[in-house]
Structure formats: structure tokens, C-alpha cells
Amino acid sequence: MFDFIQYPVTYSSKNIDLMKKNQYFFDVNKNITKPQIKKIFEDYFKIKIVSINTHRLPRKKKHSGFSKSIKRVIITSKSEINLINIIN
């Protein structure tokens, strides 16, 4: 299950502001779908998900080709729990 969730994104001030509104950013496997993401978070972390937004980040050019494709997920939870502390 944690093969799908790569890591939480917490390094910008906008992300920190949105975390106060129960919105969390995660980078996940690019092949996982929204229903699968919702099931993973609701079953494992025991939280209620209000909405899930996804987008794929642009690939960056490197010397030997391109970087791998990453899918970023914005999860809005109903509960007041801090998901970042739970995952770390």
C-alpha cells in the first residue's frame, strides 16, 4: 500500500497554509486512480476524505533524458487530524 504513496509535500508556504484547511499534498504512483487513493487513505488512516484533486507535474529535462513522471494529489479531509505527522 505504501508503494503507491511516495512522500508528502510540505516545503512551500502555500502548502502550509492549505494544511490549516485540512488539505494535504502527496506525490503518488502515476498509475493509481482517485478511488484507489480514497480507499487507501480512508481505510488505513481512518479519516473521511471530502475531495481528491490530482495533476501530473511536468517532466524536467536532465543530461541523460527526462526525469520520471510524478502525480501529485491534493486530499481534503473532513477531520482535524494532521496526516503529515502520521505518515512520518
PDB file of N, CA and C in Angstrom:
ATOM      1  N   MET A   1       0.820  -1.197   0.000  1.00  0.00           N
ATOM      2  CA  MET A   1       0.000   0.000   0.000  1.00  0.00           C
ATOM      3  C   MET A   1       0.857   1.251   0.000  1.00  0.00           C
ATOM      4  N   PHE A   2       1.926   1.282   0.793  1.00  0.00           N
ATOM      5  CA  PHE A   2       2.760   2.471   0.833  1.00  0.00           C
ATOM      6  C   PHE A   2       3.653   2.569  -0.389  1.00  0.00           C
ATOM      7  N   ASP A   3       3.592   1.579  -1.280  1.00  0.00           N
ATOM      8  CA  ASP A   3       4.305   1.698  -2.542  1.00  0.00           C
ATOM      9  C   ASP A   3       3.656   2.774  -3.404  1.00  0.00           C
ATOM     10  N   PHE A   4       2.362   2.993  -3.214  1.00  0.00           N
ATOM     11  CA  PHE A   4       1.652   3.987  -4.001  1.00  0.00           C
ATOM     12  C   PHE A   4       1.909   5.401  -3.509  1.00  0.00           C
ATOM     13  N   ILE A   5       2.003   5.589  -2.192  1.00  0.00           N
ATOM     14  CA  ILE A   5       2.252   6.905  -1.612  1.00  0.00           C
ATOM     15  C   ILE A   5       3.756   7.091  -1.506  1.00  0.00           C
ATOM     16  N   GLN A   6       4.302   8.022  -2.291  1.00  0.00           N
ATOM     17  CA  GLN A   6       5.752   8.198  -2.279  1.00  0.00           C
ATOM     18  C   GLN A   6       6.189   9.060  -1.101  1.00  0.00           C
ATOM     19  N   TYR A   7       5.646  10.265  -0.968  1.00  0.00           N
ATOM     20  CA  TYR A   7       6.004  11.119   0.160  1.00  0.00           C
ATOM     21  C   TYR A   7       5.070  12.322   0.206  1.00  0.00           C
ATOM     22  N   PRO A   8       4.889  12.939   1.389  1.00  0.00           N
ATOM     23  CA  PRO A   8       4.095  14.158   1.497  1.00  0.00           C
ATOM     24  C   PRO A   8       4.906  15.361   1.015  1.00  0.00           C
ATOM     25  N   VAL A   9       4.206  16.360   0.528  1.00  0.00           N
ATOM     26  CA  VAL A   9       4.846  17.582   0.044  1.00  0.00           C
ATOM     27  C   VAL A   9       4.548  18.680   1.056  1.00  0.00           C
ATOM     28  N   THR A  10       5.590  19.213   1.703  1.00  0.00           N
ATOM     29  CA  THR A  10       5.365  20.203   2.767  1.00  0.00           C
ATOM     30  C   THR A  10       6.311  21.386   2.687  1.00  0.00           C
ATOM     31  N   TYR A  11       6.982  21.586   1.578  1.00  0.00           N
ATOM     32  CA  TYR A  11       8.082  22.547   1.556  1.00  0.00           C
ATOM     33  C   TYR A  11       7.727  23.948   1.089  1.00  0.00           C
ATOM     34  N   SER A  12       6.494  24.268   0.774  1.00  0.00           N
ATOM     35  CA  SER A  12       6.184  25.640   0.377  1.00  0.00           C
ATOM     36  C   SER A  12       5.214  26.274   1.377  1.00  0.00           C
ATOM     37  N   SER A  13       5.205  27.582   1.406  1.00  0.00           N
ATOM     38  CA  SER A  13       4.337  28.289   2.347  1.00  0.00           C
ATOM     39  C   SER A  13       2.860  28.110   1.991  1.00  0.00           C
ATOM     40  N   LYS A  14       2.563  27.955   0.699  1.00  0.00           N
ATOM     41  CA  LYS A  14       1.173  27.718   0.291  1.00  0.00           C
ATOM     42  C   LYS A  14       0.678  26.375   0.815  1.00  0.00           C
ATOM     43  N   ASN A  15       1.534  25.365   0.772  1.00  0.00           N
ATOM     44  CA  ASN A  15       1.145  24.059   1.299  1.00  0.00           C
ATOM     45  C   ASN A  15       0.868  24.130   2.795  1.00  0.00           C
ATOM     46  N   ILE A  16       1.666  24.884   3.506  1.00  0.00           N
ATOM     47  CA  ILE A  16       1.476  25.013   4.953  1.00  0.00           C
ATOM     48  C   ILE A  16       0.160  25.737   5.256  1.00  0.00           C
ATOM     49  N   ASP A  17      -0.168  26.747   4.463  1.00  0.00           N
ATOM     50  CA  ASP A  17      -1.443  27.444   4.653  1.00  0.00           C
ATOM     51  C   ASP A  17      -2.633  26.529   4.365  1.00  0.00           C
ATOM     52  N   LEU A  18      -2.516  25.699   3.324  1.00  0.00           N
ATOM     53  CA  LEU A  18      -3.606  24.787   2.989  1.00  0.00           C
ATOM     54  C   LEU A  18      -3.744  23.646   3.993  1.00  0.00           C
ATOM     55  N   MET A  19      -2.660  23.304   4.666  1.00  0.00           N
ATOM     56  CA  MET A  19      -2.744  22.260   5.694  1.00  0.00           C
ATOM     57  C   MET A  19      -3.616  22.723   6.860  1.00  0.00           C
ATOM     58  N   LYS A  20      -3.685  24.011   7.085  1.00  0.00           N
ATOM     59  CA  LYS A  20      -4.561  24.545   8.127  1.00  0.00           C
ATOM     60  C   LYS A  20      -6.034  24.370   7.752  1.00  0.00           C
ATOM     61  N   LYS A  21      -6.306  24.211   6.455  1.00  0.00           N
ATOM     62  CA  LYS A  21      -7.663  23.993   5.954  1.00  0.00           C
ATOM     63  C   LYS A  21      -7.925  22.506   5.685  1.00  0.00           C
ATOM     64  N   ASN A  22      -7.094  21.637   6.260  1.00  0.00           N
ATOM     65  CA  ASN A  22      -7.215  20.186   6.108  1.00  0.00           C
ATOM     66  C   ASN A  22      -6.996  19.716   4.674  1.00  0.00           C
ATOM     67  N   GLN A  23      -6.128  20.389   3.944  1.00  0.00           N
ATOM     68  CA  GLN A  23      -5.743  19.950   2.612  1.00  0.00           C
ATOM     69  C   GLN A  23      -4.274  19.552   2.649  1.00  0.00           C
ATOM     70  N   TYR A  24      -3.991  18.354   2.125  1.00  0.00           N
ATOM     71  CA  TYR A  24      -2.642  17.802   2.185  1.00  0.00           C
ATOM     72  C   TYR A  24      -2.183  17.393   0.796  1.00  0.00           C
ATOM     73  N   PHE A  25      -0.909  17.599   0.529  1.00  0.00           N
ATOM     74  CA  PHE A  25      -0.317  17.282  -0.762  1.00  0.00           C
ATOM     75  C   PHE A  25       0.547  16.038  -0.636  1.00  0.00           C
ATOM     76  N   PHE A  26       0.406  15.127  -1.600  1.00  0.00           N
ATOM     77  CA  PHE A  26       1.220  13.918  -1.639  1.00  0.00           C
ATOM     78  C   PHE A  26       1.635  13.641  -3.070  1.00  0.00           C
ATOM     79  N   ASP A  27       2.826  13.097  -3.241  1.00  0.00           N
ATOM     80  CA  ASP A  27       3.236  12.564  -4.522  1.00  0.00           C
ATOM     81  C   ASP A  27       2.977  11.067  -4.486  1.00  0.00           C
ATOM     82  N   VAL A  28       2.283  10.581  -5.505  1.00  0.00           N
ATOM     83  CA  VAL A  28       1.892   9.173  -5.529  1.00  0.00           C
ATOM     84  C   VAL A  28       2.328   8.533  -6.845  1.00  0.00           C
ATOM     85  N   ASN A  29       2.162   7.239  -6.906  1.00  0.00           N
ATOM     86  CA  ASN A  29       2.435   6.492  -8.130  1.00  0.00           C
ATOM     87  C   ASN A  29       1.523   7.016  -9.239  1.00  0.00           C
ATOM     88  N   LYS A  30       2.061   7.168 -10.441  1.00  0.00           N
ATOM     89  CA  LYS A  30       1.287   7.772 -11.528  1.00  0.00           C
ATOM     90  C   LYS A  30       0.162   6.895 -12.043  1.00  0.00           C
ATOM     91  N   ASN A  31       0.151   5.608 -11.698  1.00  0.00           N
ATOM     92  CA  ASN A  31      -0.875   4.692 -12.205  1.00  0.00           C
ATOM     93  C   ASN A  31      -2.058   4.513 -11.269  1.00  0.00           C
ATOM     94  N   ILE A  32      -2.010   5.088 -10.099  1.00  0.00           N
ATOM     95  CA  ILE A  32      -3.094   4.925  -9.128  1.00  0.00           C
ATOM     96  C   ILE A  32      -4.230   5.904  -9.452  1.00  0.00           C
ATOM     97  N   THR A  33      -5.475   5.476  -9.232  1.00  0.00           N
ATOM     98  CA  THR A  33      -6.643   6.285  -9.562  1.00  0.00           C
ATOM     99  C   THR A  33      -7.203   6.950  -8.310  1.00  0.00           C
ATOM    100  N   LYS A  34      -8.131   7.895  -8.517  1.00  0.00           N
ATOM    101  CA  LYS A  34      -8.736   8.609  -7.390  1.00  0.00           C
ATOM    102  C   LYS A  34      -9.494   7.677  -6.438  1.00  0.00           C
ATOM    103  N   PRO A  35     -10.307   6.735  -6.931  1.00  0.00           N
ATOM    104  CA  PRO A  35     -10.977   5.819  -5.986  1.00  0.00           C
ATOM    105  C   PRO A  35      -9.990   4.971  -5.179  1.00  0.00           C
ATOM    106  N   GLN A  36      -8.887   4.575  -5.786  1.00  0.00           N
ATOM    107  CA  GLN A  36      -7.884   3.810  -5.064  1.00  0.00           C
ATOM    108  C   GLN A  36      -7.220   4.667  -3.985  1.00  0.00           C
ATOM    109  N   ILE A  37      -6.913   5.913  -4.314  1.00  0.00           N
ATOM    110  CA  ILE A  37      -6.312   6.833  -3.341  1.00  0.00           C
ATOM    111  C   ILE A  37      -7.264   7.038  -2.162  1.00  0.00           C
ATOM    112  N   LYS A  38      -8.527   7.255  -2.455  1.00  0.00           N
ATOM    113  CA  LYS A  38      -9.511   7.472  -1.401  1.00  0.00           C
ATOM    114  C   LYS A  38      -9.624   6.246  -0.494  1.00  0.00           C
ATOM    115  N   LYS A  39      -9.654   5.069  -1.082  1.00  0.00           N
ATOM    116  CA  LYS A  39      -9.751   3.835  -0.297  1.00  0.00           C
ATOM    117  C   LYS A  39      -8.532   3.646   0.598  1.00  0.00           C
ATOM    118  N   ILE A  40      -7.336   3.914   0.074  1.00  0.00           N
ATOM    119  CA  ILE A  40      -6.112   3.762   0.867  1.00  0.00           C
ATOM    120  C   ILE A  40      -6.138   4.691   2.084  1.00  0.00           C
ATOM    121  N   PHE A  41      -6.453   5.954   1.855  1.00  0.00           N
ATOM    122  CA  PHE A  41      -6.424   6.918   2.955  1.00  0.00           C
ATOM    123  C   PHE A  41      -7.548   6.681   3.962  1.00  0.00           C
ATOM    124  N   GLU A  42      -8.743   6.348   3.484  1.00  0.00           N
ATOM    125  CA  GLU A  42      -9.848   6.136   4.414  1.00  0.00           C
ATOM    126  C   GLU A  42      -9.686   4.845   5.211  1.00  0.00           C
ATOM    127  N   ASP A  43      -9.192   3.785   4.580  1.00  0.00           N
ATOM    128  CA  ASP A  43      -9.054   2.510   5.286  1.00  0.00           C
ATOM    129  C   ASP A  43      -7.862   2.511   6.239  1.00  0.00           C
ATOM    130  N   TYR A  44      -6.731   2.992   5.786  1.00  0.00           N
ATOM    131  CA  TYR A  44      -5.537   2.896   6.604  1.00  0.00           C
ATOM    132  C   TYR A  44      -5.466   3.981   7.685  1.00  0.00           C
ATOM    133  N   PHE A  45      -5.753   5.225   7.320  1.00  0.00           N
ATOM    134  CA  PHE A  45      -5.622   6.328   8.262  1.00  0.00           C
ATOM    135  C   PHE A  45      -6.912   6.629   9.021  1.00  0.00           C
ATOM    136  N   LYS A  46      -8.006   5.982   8.665  1.00  0.00           N
ATOM    137  CA  LYS A  46      -9.303   6.134   9.354  1.00  0.00           C
ATOM    138  C   LYS A  46      -9.770   7.582   9.376  1.00  0.00           C
ATOM    139  N   ILE A  47      -9.702   8.225   8.211  1.00  0.00           N
ATOM    140  CA  ILE A  47     -10.198   9.603   8.088  1.00  0.00           C
ATOM    141  C   ILE A  47     -11.232   9.660   6.980  1.00  0.00           C
ATOM    142  N   LYS A  48     -12.057  10.664   7.007  1.00  0.00           N
ATOM    143  CA  LYS A  48     -13.074  10.860   5.981  1.00  0.00           C
ATOM    144  C   LYS A  48     -12.528  11.832   4.942  1.00  0.00           C
ATOM    145  N   ILE A  49     -12.488  11.420   3.683  1.00  0.00           N
ATOM    146  CA  ILE A  49     -11.996  12.249   2.584  1.00  0.00           C
ATOM    147  C   ILE A  49     -13.170  12.998   1.962  1.00  0.00           C
ATOM    148  N   VAL A  50     -13.039  14.312   1.858  1.00  0.00           N
ATOM    149  CA  VAL A  50     -14.081  15.130   1.239  1.00  0.00           C
ATOM    150  C   VAL A  50     -13.870  15.202  -0.264  1.00  0.00           C
ATOM    151  N   SER A  51     -12.632  15.476  -0.692  1.00  0.00           N
ATOM    152  CA  SER A  51     -12.356  15.553  -2.125  1.00  0.00           C
ATOM    153  C   SER A  51     -10.906  15.186  -2.401  1.00  0.00           C
ATOM    154  N   ILE A  52     -10.674  14.784  -3.651  1.00  0.00           N
ATOM    155  CA  ILE A  52      -9.331  14.441  -4.115  1.00  0.00           C
ATOM    156  C   ILE A  52      -9.121  15.123  -5.460  1.00  0.00           C
ATOM    157  N   ASN A  53      -8.053  15.890  -5.559  1.00  0.00           N
ATOM    158  CA  ASN A  53      -7.658  16.518  -6.819  1.00  0.00           C
ATOM    159  C   ASN A  53      -6.293  15.977  -7.214  1.00  0.00           C
ATOM    160  N   THR A  54      -6.121  15.679  -8.492  1.00  0.00           N
ATOM    161  CA  THR A  54      -4.844  15.148  -8.956  1.00  0.00           C
ATOM    162  C   THR A  54      -4.352  15.948 -10.153  1.00  0.00           C
ATOM    163  N   HIS A  55      -3.046  15.984 -10.310  1.00  0.00           N
ATOM    164  CA  HIS A  55      -2.446  16.526 -11.528  1.00  0.00           C
ATOM    165  C   HIS A  55      -1.041  15.952 -11.680  1.00  0.00           C
ATOM    166  N   ARG A  56      -0.602  15.875 -12.914  1.00  0.00           N
ATOM    167  CA  ARG A  56       0.739  15.375 -13.199  1.00  0.00           C
ATOM    168  C   ARG A  56       1.676  16.549 -13.393  1.00  0.00           C
ATOM    169  N   LEU A  57       2.799  16.486 -12.710  1.00  0.00           N
ATOM    170  CA  LEU A  57       3.789  17.545 -12.818  1.00  0.00           C
ATOM    171  C   LEU A  57       4.546  17.417 -14.135  1.00  0.00           C
ATOM    172  N   PRO A  58       4.997  18.538 -14.711  1.00  0.00           N
ATOM    173  CA  PRO A  58       5.774  18.455 -15.944  1.00  0.00           C
ATOM    174  C   PRO A  58       7.121  17.788 -15.692  1.00  0.00           C
ATOM    175  N   ARG A  59       7.556  17.011 -16.660  1.00  0.00           N
ATOM    176  CA  ARG A  59       8.848  16.336 -16.532  1.00  0.00           C
ATOM    177  C   ARG A  59       9.968  17.317 -16.822  1.00  0.00           C
ATOM    178  N   LYS A  60      11.061  17.196 -16.087  1.00  0.00           N
ATOM    179  CA  LYS A  60      12.203  18.078 -16.260  1.00  0.00           C
ATOM    180  C   LYS A  60      13.257  17.387 -17.101  1.00  0.00           C
ATOM    181  N   LYS A  61      13.904  18.148 -17.961  1.00  0.00           N
ATOM    182  CA  LYS A  61      14.938  17.590 -18.813  1.00  0.00           C
ATOM    183  C   LYS A  61      16.251  17.480 -18.029  1.00  0.00           C
ATOM    184  N   LYS A  62      16.870  16.312 -18.131  1.00  0.00           N
ATOM    185  CA  LYS A  62      18.162  16.071 -17.497  1.00  0.00           C
ATOM    186  C   LYS A  62      19.199  15.844 -18.589  1.00  0.00           C
ATOM    187  N   HIS A  63      20.447  15.660 -18.195  1.00  0.00           N
ATOM    188  CA  HIS A  63      21.511  15.423 -19.165  1.00  0.00           C
ATOM    189  C   HIS A  63      21.304  14.126 -19.938  1.00  0.00           C
ATOM    190  N   SER A  64      20.761  13.119 -19.287  1.00  0.00           N
ATOM    191  CA  SER A  64      20.613  11.817 -19.931  1.00  0.00           C
ATOM    192  C   SER A  64      19.168  11.493 -20.277  1.00  0.00           C
ATOM    193  N   GLY A  65      18.328  12.496 -20.479  1.00  0.00           N
ATOM    194  CA  GLY A  65      16.932  12.260 -20.826  1.00  0.00           C
ATOM    195  C   GLY A  65      16.013  13.113 -19.978  1.00  0.00           C
ATOM    196  N   PHE A  66      14.919  12.507 -19.537  1.00  0.00           N
ATOM    197  CA  PHE A  66      13.930  13.214 -18.736  1.00  0.00           C
ATOM    198  C   PHE A  66      13.796  12.563 -17.369  1.00  0.00           C
ATOM    199  N   SER A  67      13.325  13.352 -16.385  1.00  0.00           N
ATOM    200  CA  SER A  67      13.043  12.797 -15.065  1.00  0.00           C
ATOM    201  C   SER A  67      11.753  11.977 -15.145  1.00  0.00           C
ATOM    202  N   LYS A  68      11.516  11.148 -14.136  1.00  0.00           N
ATOM    203  CA  LYS A  68      10.318  10.316 -14.166  1.00  0.00           C
ATOM    204  C   LYS A  68       9.073  11.159 -13.906  1.00  0.00           C
ATOM    205  N   SER A  69       7.965  10.691 -14.407  1.00  0.00           N
ATOM    206  CA  SER A  69       6.695  11.385 -14.277  1.00  0.00           C
ATOM    207  C   SER A  69       6.153  11.212 -12.859  1.00  0.00           C
ATOM    208  N   ILE A  70       5.648  12.295 -12.269  1.00  0.00           N
ATOM    209  CA  ILE A  70       5.121  12.277 -10.902  1.00  0.00           C
ATOM    210  C   ILE A  70       3.674  12.757 -10.927  1.00  0.00           C
ATOM    211  N   LYS A  71       2.835  12.116 -10.145  1.00  0.00           N
ATOM    212  CA  LYS A  71       1.446  12.528  -9.981  1.00  0.00           C
ATOM    213  C   LYS A  71       1.294  13.120  -8.586  1.00  0.00           C
ATOM    214  N   ARG A  72       0.769  14.325  -8.496  1.00  0.00           N
ATOM    215  CA  ARG A  72       0.577  14.996  -7.215  1.00  0.00           C
ATOM    216  C   ARG A  72      -0.909  14.974  -6.866  1.00  0.00           C
ATOM    217  N   VAL A  73      -1.201  14.703  -5.610  1.00  0.00           N
ATOM    218  CA  VAL A  73      -2.568  14.575  -5.133  1.00  0.00           C
ATOM    219  C   VAL A  73      -2.802  15.604  -4.039  1.00  0.00           C
ATOM    220  N   ILE A  74      -3.944  16.281  -4.102  1.00  0.00           N
ATOM    221  CA  ILE A  74      -4.372  17.187  -3.035  1.00  0.00           C
ATOM    222  C   ILE A  74      -5.592  16.542  -2.389  1.00  0.00           C
ATOM    223  N   ILE A  75      -5.446  16.175  -1.118  1.00  0.00           N
ATOM    224  CA  ILE A  75      -6.516  15.495  -0.394  1.00  0.00           C
ATOM    225  C   ILE A  75      -7.113  16.479   0.611  1.00  0.00           C
ATOM    226  N   THR A  76      -8.432  16.615   0.564  1.00  0.00           N
ATOM    227  CA  THR A  76      -9.140  17.435   1.540  1.00  0.00           C
ATOM    228  C   THR A  76      -9.856  16.492   2.491  1.00  0.00           C
ATOM    229  N   SER A  77      -9.489  16.572   3.766  1.00  0.00           N
ATOM    230  CA  SER A  77     -10.096  15.678   4.749  1.00  0.00           C
ATOM    231  C   SER A  77     -11.122  16.426   5.587  1.00  0.00           C
ATOM    232  N   LYS A  78     -12.053  15.666   6.122  1.00  0.00           N
ATOM    233  CA  LYS A  78     -13.090  16.260   6.939  1.00  0.00           C
ATOM    234  C   LYS A  78     -12.637  16.414   8.385  1.00  0.00           C
ATOM    235  N   SER A  79     -11.768  15.531   8.822  1.00  0.00           N
ATOM    236  CA  SER A  79     -11.339  15.546  10.217  1.00  0.00           C
ATOM    237  C   SER A  79     -10.186  16.516  10.441  1.00  0.00           C
ATOM    238  N   GLU A  80      -9.947  16.823  11.680  1.00  0.00           N
ATOM    239  CA  GLU A  80      -8.906  17.769  12.085  1.00  0.00           C
ATOM    240  C   GLU A  80      -7.581  17.073  12.395  1.00  0.00           C
ATOM    241  N   ILE A  81      -7.329  15.953  11.786  1.00  0.00           N
ATOM    242  CA  ILE A  81      -6.116  15.197  12.072  1.00  0.00           C
ATOM    243  C   ILE A  81      -4.983  15.659  11.153  1.00  0.00           C
ATOM    244  N   ASN A  82      -3.750  15.611  11.650  1.00  0.00           N
ATOM    245  CA  ASN A  82      -2.605  16.023  10.854  1.00  0.00           C
ATOM    246  C   ASN A  82      -1.989  14.791  10.192  1.00  0.00           C
ATOM    247  N   LEU A  83      -2.235  14.619   8.911  1.00  0.00           N
ATOM    248  CA  LEU A  83      -1.756  13.439   8.178  1.00  0.00           C
ATOM    249  C   LEU A  83      -0.235  13.402   8.063  1.00  0.00           C
ATOM    250  N   ILE A  84       0.399  14.545   8.019  1.00  0.00           N
ATOM    251  CA  ILE A  84       1.857  14.582   7.832  1.00  0.00           C
ATOM    252  C   ILE A  84       2.551  13.953   9.035  1.00  0.00           C
ATOM    253  N   ASN A  85       2.071  14.222  10.243  1.00  0.00           N
ATOM    254  CA  ASN A  85       2.672  13.635  11.432  1.00  0.00           C
ATOM    255  C   ASN A  85       2.434  12.131  11.491  1.00  0.00           C
ATOM    256  N   ILE A  86       1.312  11.673  10.983  1.00  0.00           N
ATOM    257  CA  ILE A  86       1.006  10.250  10.990  1.00  0.00           C
ATOM    258  C   ILE A  86       1.909   9.491  10.031  1.00  0.00           C
ATOM    259  N   ILE A  87       2.140  10.055   8.838  1.00  0.00           N
ATOM    260  CA  ILE A  87       2.943   9.369   7.828  1.00  0.00           C
ATOM    261  C   ILE A  87       4.405   9.351   8.226  1.00  0.00           C
ATOM    262  N   ASN A  88       4.902  10.437   8.769  1.00  0.00           N
ATOM    263  CA  ASN A  88       6.315  10.467   9.185  1.00  0.00           C
ATOM    264  C   ASN A  88       6.450   9.707  10.436  1.00  0.00           C
TER     265      ASN A  88
END
